[in-house]
Amino acid sequence: MNVQICHDNKVCLVTGAGSPNGIGFAAAKIVGLQGAKVLLVATTDRIFDRAEELKTLGIEAKGYIADLMDREQVRNLISAIIEEFHTIDILVNNAGMTQVGIPEDFSNFNKMSDEEWDFSIGRNLTICYNVTRAVLKHMIENNYGRIVNVSSVTGPIVSSPGTSAYSAAKAGVIGMSRGIAIEVAKNNIMINNVLPGWIASGSQTKEEAIAGQNTPIGRSAKPEEVGHMIAFLCSEQASYITGQNFVVDGGNVLQEYKGPKELYY
């Protein structure tokens, strides 16, 4: 059976969509090609380049600059969107992990400063809270909504040295989502989580690329492979799915041995 995913006349807000080869922009492009109006948010003016790129594909798109860790900026952003577009039907919470101009920190827990912990929790959990909190009331008023949070396999399922704060934040996103899901299901609002593994994005490190080669599929995911899962969960076809987690990792969490294949398989 051929199921056509369609987002006609829906307004979709995607955070963290500034990178041309990241998950956020990939998801935005797919949802836009399926008929949605796509609103993109990032911290730098490169977001306007992403919006222009979508427009060349025939997608109605607009870019916004905002620091989503700043709640006043979030409230102003959502108010401006509602004033112009009157609704936000779909929210993709992708912002987190990396940010232009701010390097990632991978300190072990016992060497981590309080500031490093607070910043990682803020960027990877509190941003999701800030935006969801501001958008949700409008979805409740409209009795419709789709929220997809980009969590990670890191935290909810696995972890690595130096990622305790990131792991805590991404696991926290899932706990928060489950609580919200119970509260707003009656309002026809579905909230789910996508958990990517190794992704061949612009921010992928050499070590992460090698790790991707040792998945059962033998490579990292392309951002659009995660984007298609996000797009489905944003759709009408996902109308009876809420509070769930969808792993997109090439089967990596299935295998106990994760070293070079020639030594085991």
C-alpha atoms as a PDB file:
ATOM      1  CA  MET A   1       0.000   0.000   0.000  1.00  0.00           C
ATOM      2  CA  ASN A   2       1.363   3.421  -0.977  1.00  0.00           C
ATOM      3  CA  VAL A   3       0.824   5.914   1.850  1.00  0.00           C
ATOM      4  CA  GLN A   4       1.230   9.535   0.745  1.00  0.00           C
ATOM      5  CA  ILE A   5       2.465  11.791   3.540  1.00  0.00           C
ATOM      6  CA  CYS A   6       0.963  15.262   3.175  1.00  0.00           C
ATOM      7  CA  HIS A   7       1.311  18.429   5.236  1.00  0.00           C
ATOM      8  CA  ASP A   8      -0.769  20.766   3.072  1.00  0.00           C
ATOM      9  CA  ASN A   9      -1.581  24.119   4.720  1.00  0.00           C
ATOM     10  CA  LYS A  10       0.188  23.186   7.949  1.00  0.00           C
ATOM     11  CA  VAL A  11       2.585  25.643   9.613  1.00  0.00           C
ATOM     12  CA  CYS A  12       5.752  23.912  10.785  1.00  0.00           C
ATOM     13  CA  LEU A  13       8.372  25.450  13.091  1.00  0.00           C
ATOM     14  CA  VAL A  14      11.806  23.795  13.062  1.00  0.00           C
ATOM     15  CA  THR A  15      14.453  24.869  15.572  1.00  0.00           C
ATOM     16  CA  GLY A  16      18.174  24.396  15.050  1.00  0.00           C
ATOM     17  CA  ALA A  17      17.904  24.400  11.254  1.00  0.00           C
ATOM     18  CA  GLY A  18      20.867  26.609  10.344  1.00  0.00           C
ATOM     19  CA  SER A  19      23.263  23.928   9.136  1.00  0.00           C
ATOM     20  CA  PRO A  20      22.856  23.050   5.431  1.00  0.00           C
ATOM     21  CA  ASN A  21      23.624  19.388   6.184  1.00  0.00           C
ATOM     22  CA  GLY A  22      21.988  18.899   9.566  1.00  0.00           C
ATOM     23  CA  ILE A  23      18.930  16.992  10.733  1.00  0.00           C
ATOM     24  CA  GLY A  24      16.850  20.135  11.298  1.00  0.00           C
ATOM     25  CA  PHE A  25      17.210  21.454   7.761  1.00  0.00           C
ATOM     26  CA  ALA A  26      16.733  17.984   6.267  1.00  0.00           C
ATOM     27  CA  ALA A  27      13.448  17.580   8.155  1.00  0.00           C
ATOM     28  CA  ALA A  28      12.334  21.088   7.198  1.00  0.00           C
ATOM     29  CA  LYS A  29      12.948  20.387   3.520  1.00  0.00           C
ATOM     30  CA  ILE A  30      11.009  17.101   3.577  1.00  0.00           C
ATOM     31  CA  VAL A  31       8.025  18.559   5.445  1.00  0.00           C
ATOM     32  CA  GLY A  32       8.059  21.595   3.159  1.00  0.00           C
ATOM     33  CA  LEU A  33       8.084  19.474   0.006  1.00  0.00           C
ATOM     34  CA  GLN A  34       5.053  17.699   1.439  1.00  0.00           C
ATOM     35  CA  GLY A  35       3.114  20.962   1.496  1.00  0.00           C
ATOM     36  CA  ALA A  36       3.836  22.719   4.797  1.00  0.00           C
ATOM     37  CA  LYS A  37       4.823  26.320   5.363  1.00  0.00           C
ATOM     38  CA  VAL A  38       8.207  26.023   7.051  1.00  0.00           C
ATOM     39  CA  LEU A  39       9.584  28.435   9.645  1.00  0.00           C
ATOM     40  CA  LEU A  40      13.253  27.989  10.526  1.00  0.00           C
ATOM     41  CA  VAL A  41      15.086  29.186  13.634  1.00  0.00           C
ATOM     42  CA  ALA A  42      18.814  29.408  14.382  1.00  0.00           C
ATOM     43  CA  THR A  43      21.224  31.664  16.228  1.00  0.00           C
ATOM     44  CA  THR A  44      22.954  33.219  13.177  1.00  0.00           C
ATOM     45  CA  ASP A  45      21.959  34.826   9.903  1.00  0.00           C
ATOM     46  CA  ARG A  46      22.802  31.683   7.953  1.00  0.00           C
ATOM     47  CA  ILE A  47      19.196  30.706   8.664  1.00  0.00           C
ATOM     48  CA  PHE A  48      18.156  33.161   5.946  1.00  0.00           C
ATOM     49  CA  ASP A  49      20.242  31.202   3.438  1.00  0.00           C
ATOM     50  CA  ARG A  50      18.401  28.030   4.440  1.00  0.00           C
ATOM     51  CA  ALA A  51      15.032  29.749   3.971  1.00  0.00           C
ATOM     52  CA  GLU A  52      16.060  31.002   0.530  1.00  0.00           C
ATOM     53  CA  GLU A  53      17.190  27.504  -0.406  1.00  0.00           C
ATOM     54  CA  LEU A  54      13.757  26.138   0.485  1.00  0.00           C
ATOM     55  CA  LYS A  55      12.062  28.866  -1.522  1.00  0.00           C
ATOM     56  CA  THR A  56      13.950  27.783  -4.645  1.00  0.00           C
ATOM     57  CA  LEU A  57      12.233  24.399  -4.207  1.00  0.00           C
ATOM     58  CA  GLY A  58       8.803  26.026  -4.169  1.00  0.00           C
ATOM     59  CA  ILE A  59       8.427  25.858  -0.402  1.00  0.00           C
ATOM     60  CA  GLU A  60       6.932  28.769   1.525  1.00  0.00           C
ATOM     61  CA  ALA A  61       9.630  29.432   4.105  1.00  0.00           C
ATOM     62  CA  LYS A  62      10.849  32.080   6.509  1.00  0.00           C
ATOM     63  CA  GLY A  63      13.920  32.289   8.734  1.00  0.00           C
ATOM     64  CA  TYR A  64      14.216  33.742  12.235  1.00  0.00           C
ATOM     65  CA  ILE A  65      17.195  34.448  14.485  1.00  0.00           C
ATOM     66  CA  ALA A  66      16.714  33.763  18.192  1.00  0.00           C
ATOM     67  CA  ASP A  67      18.606  32.494  21.212  1.00  0.00           C
ATOM     68  CA  LEU A  68      16.174  29.857  22.402  1.00  0.00           C
ATOM     69  CA  MET A  69      17.860  29.680  25.799  1.00  0.00           C
ATOM     70  CA  ASP A  70      16.457  33.170  26.397  1.00  0.00           C
ATOM     71  CA  ARG A  71      12.777  32.798  27.321  1.00  0.00           C
ATOM     72  CA  GLU A  72      11.914  36.377  26.426  1.00  0.00           C
ATOM     73  CA  GLN A  73      13.299  35.841  22.930  1.00  0.00           C
ATOM     74  CA  VAL A  74      11.303  32.618  22.656  1.00  0.00           C
ATOM     75  CA  ARG A  75       8.079  34.347  23.680  1.00  0.00           C
ATOM     76  CA  ASN A  76       8.711  37.168  21.216  1.00  0.00           C
ATOM     77  CA  LEU A  77       9.470  34.680  18.434  1.00  0.00           C
ATOM     78  CA  ILE A  78       6.296  32.661  18.962  1.00  0.00           C
ATOM     79  CA  SER A  79       4.168  35.812  19.269  1.00  0.00           C
ATOM     80  CA  ALA A  80       5.553  37.103  15.957  1.00  0.00           C
ATOM     81  CA  ILE A  81       4.833  33.788  14.237  1.00  0.00           C
ATOM     82  CA  ILE A  82       1.273  33.610  15.575  1.00  0.00           C
ATOM     83  CA  GLU A  83       0.635  37.201  14.526  1.00  0.00           C
ATOM     84  CA  GLU A  84       1.743  36.488  10.959  1.00  0.00           C
ATOM     85  CA  PHE A  85       0.689  32.868  10.423  1.00  0.00           C
ATOM     86  CA  HIS A  86      -2.079  32.578  13.086  1.00  0.00           C
ATOM     87  CA  THR A  87      -1.067  29.039  14.069  1.00  0.00           C
ATOM     88  CA  ILE A  88       1.760  26.602  14.670  1.00  0.00           C
ATOM     89  CA  ASP A  89       0.559  23.135  13.738  1.00  0.00           C
ATOM     90  CA  ILE A  90       3.888  21.309  13.871  1.00  0.00           C
ATOM     91  CA  LEU A  91       6.918  21.822  16.101  1.00  0.00           C
ATOM     92  CA  VAL A  92      10.239  20.076  15.518  1.00  0.00           C
ATOM     93  CA  ASN A  93      12.530  20.633  18.501  1.00  0.00           C
ATOM     94  CA  ASN A  94      15.929  19.998  16.937  1.00  0.00           C
ATOM     95  CA  ALA A  95      18.022  22.781  18.515  1.00  0.00           C
ATOM     96  CA  GLY A  96      20.731  21.594  20.892  1.00  0.00           C
ATOM     97  CA  MET A  97      24.102  19.856  21.047  1.00  0.00           C
ATOM     98  CA  THR A  98      26.107  22.126  18.734  1.00  0.00           C
ATOM     99  CA  GLN A  99      25.932  25.883  18.244  1.00  0.00           C
ATOM    100  CA  VAL A 100      27.950  28.095  15.943  1.00  0.00           C
ATOM    101  CA  GLY A 101      30.793  29.761  17.829  1.00  0.00           C
ATOM    102  CA  ILE A 102      30.420  27.619  20.966  1.00  0.00           C
ATOM    103  CA  PRO A 103      32.581  24.471  21.105  1.00  0.00           C
ATOM    104  CA  GLU A 104      31.254  21.297  22.675  1.00  0.00           C
ATOM    105  CA  ASP A 105      32.619  20.272  26.049  1.00  0.00           C
ATOM    106  CA  PHE A 106      33.352  16.634  26.810  1.00  0.00           C
ATOM    107  CA  SER A 107      34.600  16.825  30.397  1.00  0.00           C
ATOM    108  CA  ASN A 108      34.253  13.736  32.549  1.00  0.00           C
ATOM    109  CA  PHE A 109      31.681  14.161  35.299  1.00  0.00           C
ATOM    110  CA  ASN A 110      34.200  14.499  38.137  1.00  0.00           C
ATOM    111  CA  LYS A 111      36.056  17.260  36.271  1.00  0.00           C
ATOM    112  CA  MET A 112      33.027  19.128  34.967  1.00  0.00           C
ATOM    113  CA  SER A 113      32.301  22.615  36.262  1.00  0.00           C
ATOM    114  CA  ASP A 114      28.846  23.594  37.449  1.00  0.00           C
ATOM    115  CA  GLU A 115      28.715  26.074  34.575  1.00  0.00           C
ATOM    116  CA  GLU A 116      29.391  23.340  32.014  1.00  0.00           C
ATOM    117  CA  TRP A 117      26.618  21.182  33.478  1.00  0.00           C
ATOM    118  CA  ASP A 118      24.118  24.051  33.525  1.00  0.00           C
ATOM    119  CA  PHE A 119      24.960  25.070  29.973  1.00  0.00           C
ATOM    120  CA  SER A 120      24.582  21.557  28.535  1.00  0.00           C
ATOM    121  CA  ILE A 121      21.275  20.997  30.344  1.00  0.00           C
ATOM    122  CA  GLY A 122      20.099  24.404  29.150  1.00  0.00           C
ATOM    123  CA  ARG A 123      21.044  23.844  25.535  1.00  0.00           C
ATOM    124  CA  ASN A 124      19.815  20.255  25.252  1.00  0.00           C
ATOM    125  CA  LEU A 125      16.778  20.161  27.562  1.00  0.00           C
ATOM    126  CA  THR A 126      15.674  23.635  28.601  1.00  0.00           C
ATOM    127  CA  ILE A 127      15.521  24.926  25.004  1.00  0.00           C
ATOM    128  CA  CYS A 128      13.073  22.115  24.270  1.00  0.00           C
ATOM    129  CA  TYR A 129      11.061  23.125  27.337  1.00  0.00           C
ATOM    130  CA  ASN A 130      11.124  26.825  26.440  1.00  0.00           C
ATOM    131  CA  VAL A 131       9.846  26.392  22.891  1.00  0.00           C
ATOM    132  CA  THR A 132       7.324  23.642  23.667  1.00  0.00           C
ATOM    133  CA  ARG A 133       5.917  25.662  26.572  1.00  0.00           C
ATOM    134  CA  ALA A 134       5.420  28.713  24.345  1.00  0.00           C
ATOM    135  CA  VAL A 135       3.884  26.790  21.443  1.00  0.00           C
ATOM    136  CA  LEU A 136       1.707  24.299  23.300  1.00  0.00           C
ATOM    137  CA  LYS A 137      -0.983  26.741  24.431  1.00  0.00           C
ATOM    138  CA  HIS A 138      -1.694  27.664  20.816  1.00  0.00           C
ATOM    139  CA  MET A 139      -1.952  23.999  19.835  1.00  0.00           C
ATOM    140  CA  ILE A 140      -4.374  23.416  22.696  1.00  0.00           C
ATOM    141  CA  GLU A 141      -6.512  26.352  21.536  1.00  0.00           C
ATOM    142  CA  ASN A 142      -6.567  24.895  17.996  1.00  0.00           C
ATOM    143  CA  ASN A 143      -7.175  21.348  19.263  1.00  0.00           C
ATOM    144  CA  TYR A 144      -4.383  20.099  17.021  1.00  0.00           C
ATOM    145  CA  GLY A 145      -0.636  19.628  17.139  1.00  0.00           C
ATOM    146  CA  ARG A 146       2.343  17.490  16.277  1.00  0.00           C
ATOM    147  CA  ILE A 147       5.554  17.851  18.300  1.00  0.00           C
ATOM    148  CA  VAL A 148       8.683  15.886  17.471  1.00  0.00           C
ATOM    149  CA  ASN A 149      11.725  16.169  19.708  1.00  0.00           C
ATOM    150  CA  VAL A 150      15.145  15.185  18.424  1.00  0.00           C
ATOM    151  CA  SER A 151      16.587  13.375  21.431  1.00  0.00           C
ATOM    152  CA  SER A 152      19.432  10.868  21.006  1.00  0.00           C
ATOM    153  CA  VAL A 153      20.364   7.277  21.700  1.00  0.00           C
ATOM    154  CA  THR A 154      22.960   8.891  23.994  1.00  0.00           C
ATOM    155  CA  GLY A 155      21.323   9.118  27.384  1.00  0.00           C
ATOM    156  CA  PRO A 156      18.088   7.171  26.986  1.00  0.00           C
ATOM    157  CA  ILE A 157      19.803   3.965  25.731  1.00  0.00           C
ATOM    158  CA  VAL A 158      23.616   4.277  25.677  1.00  0.00           C
ATOM    159  CA  SER A 159      26.286   6.761  26.694  1.00  0.00           C
ATOM    160  CA  SER A 160      29.959   7.659  26.244  1.00  0.00           C
ATOM    161  CA  PRO A 161      32.688   9.147  28.449  1.00  0.00           C
ATOM    162  CA  GLY A 162      32.364  12.900  28.784  1.00  0.00           C
ATOM    163  CA  THR A 163      28.652  13.003  27.939  1.00  0.00           C
ATOM    164  CA  SER A 164      26.999  12.792  31.359  1.00  0.00           C
ATOM    165  CA  ALA A 165      25.305  16.200  31.093  1.00  0.00           C
ATOM    166  CA  TYR A 166      24.262  15.653  27.480  1.00  0.00           C
ATOM    167  CA  SER A 167      22.984  12.162  28.373  1.00  0.00           C
ATOM    168  CA  ALA A 168      20.979  13.530  31.285  1.00  0.00           C
ATOM    169  CA  ALA A 169      19.452  16.225  29.089  1.00  0.00           C
ATOM    170  CA  LYS A 170      18.442  13.909  26.250  1.00  0.00           C
ATOM    171  CA  ALA A 171      16.938  11.404  28.670  1.00  0.00           C
ATOM    172  CA  GLY A 172      15.119  14.307  30.289  1.00  0.00           C
ATOM    173  CA  VAL A 173      13.560  15.279  26.960  1.00  0.00           C
ATOM    174  CA  ILE A 174      11.936  11.851  26.807  1.00  0.00           C
ATOM    175  CA  GLY A 175      10.625  12.031  30.365  1.00  0.00           C
ATOM    176  CA  MET A 176       9.187  15.476  29.716  1.00  0.00           C
ATOM    177  CA  SER A 177       7.581  14.315  26.479  1.00  0.00           C
ATOM    178  CA  ARG A 178       5.812  11.428  28.167  1.00  0.00           C
ATOM    179  CA  GLY A 179       4.340  13.697  30.796  1.00  0.00           C
ATOM    180  CA  ILE A 180       3.134  16.168  28.165  1.00  0.00           C
ATOM    181  CA  ALA A 181       1.738  13.376  25.982  1.00  0.00           C
ATOM    182  CA  ILE A 182      -0.638  12.224  28.713  1.00  0.00           C
ATOM    183  CA  GLU A 183      -1.857  15.757  29.350  1.00  0.00           C
ATOM    184  CA  VAL A 184      -2.604  16.832  25.780  1.00  0.00           C
ATOM    185  CA  ALA A 185      -3.664  13.661  23.946  1.00  0.00           C
ATOM    186  CA  LYS A 186      -7.281  14.731  24.466  1.00  0.00           C
ATOM    187  CA  ASN A 187      -6.458  17.885  22.480  1.00  0.00           C
ATOM    188  CA  ASN A 188      -5.380  15.889  19.417  1.00  0.00           C
ATOM    189  CA  ILE A 189      -1.741  16.788  20.116  1.00  0.00           C
ATOM    190  CA  MET A 190       0.818  14.042  19.579  1.00  0.00           C
ATOM    191  CA  ILE A 191       4.366  14.365  20.947  1.00  0.00           C
ATOM    192  CA  ASN A 192       7.098  11.881  20.108  1.00  0.00           C
ATOM    193  CA  ASN A 193      10.875  11.554  20.146  1.00  0.00           C
ATOM    194  CA  VAL A 194      13.355  10.578  17.468  1.00  0.00           C
ATOM    195  CA  LEU A 195      16.639   9.131  18.754  1.00  0.00           C
ATOM    196  CA  PRO A 196      19.412   9.385  16.152  1.00  0.00           C
ATOM    197  CA  GLY A 197      22.649   7.425  16.349  1.00  0.00           C
ATOM    198  CA  TRP A 198      25.742   8.365  14.309  1.00  0.00           C
ATOM    199  CA  ILE A 199      24.806  10.996  11.734  1.00  0.00           C
ATOM    200  CA  ALA A 200      26.954  12.186   8.816  1.00  0.00           C
ATOM    201  CA  SER A 201      26.206  15.853   9.460  1.00  0.00           C
ATOM    202  CA  GLY A 202      28.525  18.828   9.192  1.00  0.00           C
ATOM    203  CA  SER A 203      29.341  18.608  12.900  1.00  0.00           C
ATOM    204  CA  GLN A 204      30.321  14.921  12.870  1.00  0.00           C
ATOM    205  CA  THR A 205      33.839  14.288  14.198  1.00  0.00           C
ATOM    206  CA  LYS A 206      36.387  11.880  12.726  1.00  0.00           C
ATOM    207  CA  GLU A 207      35.839   9.537  15.653  1.00  0.00           C
ATOM    208  CA  GLU A 208      32.073   9.578  15.170  1.00  0.00           C
ATOM    209  CA  ALA A 209      32.465   8.792  11.484  1.00  0.00           C
ATOM    210  CA  ILE A 210      34.582   5.747  12.359  1.00  0.00           C
ATOM    211  CA  ALA A 211      31.947   4.659  14.872  1.00  0.00           C
ATOM    212  CA  GLY A 212      29.338   4.916  12.130  1.00  0.00           C
ATOM    213  CA  GLN A 213      31.336   2.494   9.996  1.00  0.00           C
ATOM    214  CA  ASN A 214      30.945  -0.113  12.744  1.00  0.00           C
ATOM    215  CA  THR A 215      27.155  -0.114  12.824  1.00  0.00           C
ATOM    216  CA  PRO A 216      25.435  -3.196  11.347  1.00  0.00           C
ATOM    217  CA  ILE A 217      24.597  -1.145   8.245  1.00  0.00           C
ATOM    218  CA  GLY A 218      28.233  -0.076   8.018  1.00  0.00           C
ATOM    219  CA  ARG A 219      27.842   3.707   7.783  1.00  0.00           C
ATOM    220  CA  SER A 220      26.475   6.761   9.518  1.00  0.00           C
ATOM    221  CA  ALA A 221      22.964   7.924   8.659  1.00  0.00           C
ATOM    222  CA  LYS A 222      22.324  10.682   6.190  1.00  0.00           C
ATOM    223  CA  PRO A 223      20.420  13.569   7.850  1.00  0.00           C
ATOM    224  CA  GLU A 224      17.437  13.031   5.555  1.00  0.00           C
ATOM    225  CA  GLU A 225      17.101   9.442   6.814  1.00  0.00           C
ATOM    226  CA  VAL A 226      16.290  10.909  10.217  1.00  0.00           C
ATOM    227  CA  GLY A 227      14.258  13.659   8.548  1.00  0.00           C
ATOM    228  CA  HIS A 228      11.847  11.174   6.990  1.00  0.00           C
ATOM    229  CA  MET A 229      11.048   9.677  10.403  1.00  0.00           C
ATOM    230  CA  ILE A 230      10.460  13.161  11.773  1.00  0.00           C
ATOM    231  CA  ALA A 231       8.216  14.033   8.825  1.00  0.00           C
ATOM    232  CA  PHE A 232       6.087  10.931   9.363  1.00  0.00           C
ATOM    233  CA  LEU A 233       5.584  11.711  13.058  1.00  0.00           C
ATOM    234  CA  CYS A 234       4.540  15.244  12.053  1.00  0.00           C
ATOM    235  CA  SER A 235       1.819  13.894   9.772  1.00  0.00           C
ATOM    236  CA  GLU A 236      -1.861  13.005   9.957  1.00  0.00           C
ATOM    237  CA  GLN A 237      -0.853   9.351   9.608  1.00  0.00           C
ATOM    238  CA  ALA A 238       0.739   9.533  13.071  1.00  0.00           C
ATOM    239  CA  SER A 239      -2.592  10.439  14.672  1.00  0.00           C
ATOM    240  CA  TYR A 240      -2.559   7.523  17.160  1.00  0.00           C
ATOM    241  CA  ILE A 241       1.110   7.633  18.173  1.00  0.00           C
ATOM    242  CA  THR A 242       2.196   9.655  21.182  1.00  0.00           C
ATOM    243  CA  GLY A 243       4.799   9.544  23.929  1.00  0.00           C
ATOM    244  CA  GLN A 244       6.966   7.138  21.959  1.00  0.00           C
ATOM    245  CA  ASN A 245      10.644   6.869  21.034  1.00  0.00           C
ATOM    246  CA  PHE A 246      11.901   6.001  17.542  1.00  0.00           C
ATOM    247  CA  VAL A 247      15.538   4.959  17.207  1.00  0.00           C
ATOM    248  CA  VAL A 248      17.281   5.749  13.901  1.00  0.00           C
ATOM    249  CA  ASP A 249      20.769   4.295  14.319  1.00  0.00           C
ATOM    250  CA  GLY A 250      21.344   1.588  11.719  1.00  0.00           C
ATOM    251  CA  GLY A 251      20.816  -1.121  14.345  1.00  0.00           C
ATOM    252  CA  ASN A 252      23.800   0.005  16.410  1.00  0.00           C
ATOM    253  CA  VAL A 253      22.149  -0.397  19.815  1.00  0.00           C
ATOM    254  CA  LEU A 254      21.222  -3.983  18.909  1.00  0.00           C
ATOM    255  CA  GLN A 255      24.800  -5.225  18.808  1.00  0.00           C
ATOM    256  CA  GLU A 256      26.863  -6.021  21.868  1.00  0.00           C
ATOM    257  CA  TYR A 257      30.155  -5.969  19.938  1.00  0.00           C
ATOM    258  CA  LYS A 258      30.866  -2.657  18.215  1.00  0.00           C
ATOM    259  CA  GLY A 259      34.453  -3.057  17.043  1.00  0.00           C
ATOM    260  CA  PRO A 260      35.826  -3.734  13.532  1.00  0.00           C
ATOM    261  CA  LYS A 261      33.714  -6.356  11.789  1.00  0.00           C
ATOM    262  CA  GLU A 262      36.675  -8.497  10.733  1.00  0.00           C
ATOM    263  CA  LEU A 263      37.378  -9.265  14.395  1.00  0.00           C
ATOM    264  CA  TYR A 264      33.947 -10.731  15.078  1.00  0.00           C
ATOM    265  CA  TYR A 265      31.403 -10.949  12.234  1.00  0.00           C
END
